[in-house]
Amino acid sequence: MAQPEKAFRCGACGVSIFVNELMKNGQPVEVKKAVFTRSYKDREGNWKDSNSLDVNDIPKAVMALLKAYDYLTDKNKAGTESVP
């Protein structure tokens, strides 16, 4: 699996930024995508990922998604995290 360009976490919620290269009009174009996951441990203690949220996960998901949005839309700081 490809490695993310950047990852943001807030508790169990995380957003990873991946870069996909597509061809448009014969030219390569980079398209960045955000992938959301919530991590949890199953009954055997193994880490799993889900996109299902408990009520307490929602603010954490919002924070992680906002960080990803800021990163993706910050034109002045390409390649750097724009929020602490």
Protein backbone atom coordinates (compact mmCIF):
# COMPACT_ATOMS: atom_id res chain seq x y z
CA MET A 1 0.00 0.00 0.00
CA ALA A 2 1.20 3.51 -0.77
CA GLN A 3 2.43 5.73 2.04
CA PRO A 4 0.46 8.88 2.81
CA GLU A 5 1.97 12.28 2.06
CA LYS A 6 0.70 13.56 5.40
CA ALA A 7 -1.40 12.24 8.28
CA PHE A 8 -3.44 14.00 10.97
CA ARG A 9 -4.75 12.38 14.16
CA CYS A 10 -7.05 13.45 16.93
CA GLY A 11 -7.54 10.61 19.37
CA ALA A 12 -8.75 7.52 17.54
CA CYS A 13 -9.72 9.53 14.44
CA GLY A 14 -7.30 10.14 11.62
CA VAL A 15 -7.10 11.52 8.12
CA SER A 16 -4.33 10.54 5.71
CA ILE A 17 -3.52 12.50 2.56
CA PHE A 18 -2.59 10.43 -0.49
CA VAL A 19 -1.34 11.68 -3.85
CA ASN A 20 -2.71 10.01 -6.99
CA GLU A 21 -1.24 10.70 -10.40
CA LEU A 22 -3.74 10.80 -13.23
CA MET A 23 -3.43 11.57 -16.92
CA LYS A 24 -5.44 14.53 -18.19
CA ASN A 25 -5.14 15.55 -21.83
CA GLY A 26 -1.98 13.45 -22.06
CA GLN A 27 -0.35 15.26 -19.11
CA PRO A 28 0.25 13.82 -15.64
CA VAL A 29 -1.77 15.59 -12.95
CA GLU A 30 -1.44 15.08 -9.18
CA VAL A 31 -4.72 14.73 -7.30
CA LYS A 32 -4.67 14.63 -3.50
CA LYS A 33 -7.29 12.61 -1.63
CA ALA A 34 -8.16 12.50 2.05
CA VAL A 35 -8.91 9.12 3.64
CA PHE A 36 -10.69 9.06 7.02
CA THR A 37 -10.44 6.22 9.55
CA ARG A 38 -11.26 5.60 13.19
CA SER A 39 -8.98 3.10 14.92
CA TYR A 40 -10.08 0.68 17.63
CA LYS A 41 -8.97 -2.55 19.26
CA ASP A 42 -11.05 -5.67 18.75
CA ARG A 43 -11.74 -8.24 21.47
CA GLU A 44 -8.43 -9.98 20.78
CA GLY A 45 -6.49 -6.71 21.14
CA ASN A 46 -5.79 -6.28 17.41
CA TRP A 47 -5.97 -2.79 15.89
CA LYS A 48 -8.72 -2.33 13.30
CA ASP A 49 -9.98 0.63 11.27
CA SER A 50 -13.57 1.75 10.79
CA ASN A 51 -15.45 4.74 9.45
CA SER A 52 -18.20 4.38 12.07
CA LEU A 53 -18.27 7.02 14.81
CA ASP A 54 -19.49 7.12 18.40
CA VAL A 55 -20.90 10.43 19.62
CA ASN A 56 -17.58 11.23 21.37
CA ASP A 57 -15.64 10.58 18.14
CA ILE A 58 -17.46 13.26 16.15
CA PRO A 59 -15.53 16.29 17.52
CA LYS A 60 -12.25 14.40 17.04
CA ALA A 61 -13.19 13.53 13.47
CA VAL A 62 -14.07 17.17 12.78
CA MET A 63 -10.69 18.34 14.12
CA ALA A 64 -8.73 15.81 12.05
CA LEU A 65 -10.73 16.68 8.92
CA LEU A 66 -10.23 20.42 9.49
CA LYS A 67 -6.47 19.92 9.75
CA ALA A 68 -6.52 17.95 6.50
CA TYR A 69 -8.64 20.61 4.80
CA ASP A 70 -6.27 23.37 5.94
CA TYR A 71 -3.30 21.37 4.65
CA LEU A 72 -4.92 20.71 1.28
CA THR A 73 -6.07 24.29 0.73
CA ASP A 74 -2.97 26.15 1.98
CA LYS A 75 -1.45 27.32 -1.29
CA ASN A 76 1.32 29.32 0.40
CA LYS A 77 2.88 26.44 2.35
CA ALA A 78 2.99 23.59 -0.11
CA GLY A 79 4.32 20.44 1.55
CA THR A 80 4.09 21.74 5.13
CA GLU A 81 1.47 21.40 7.82
CA SER A 82 -0.52 24.62 8.17
CA VAL A 83 -1.95 24.10 11.65
CA PRO A 84 -0.29 23.06 14.93
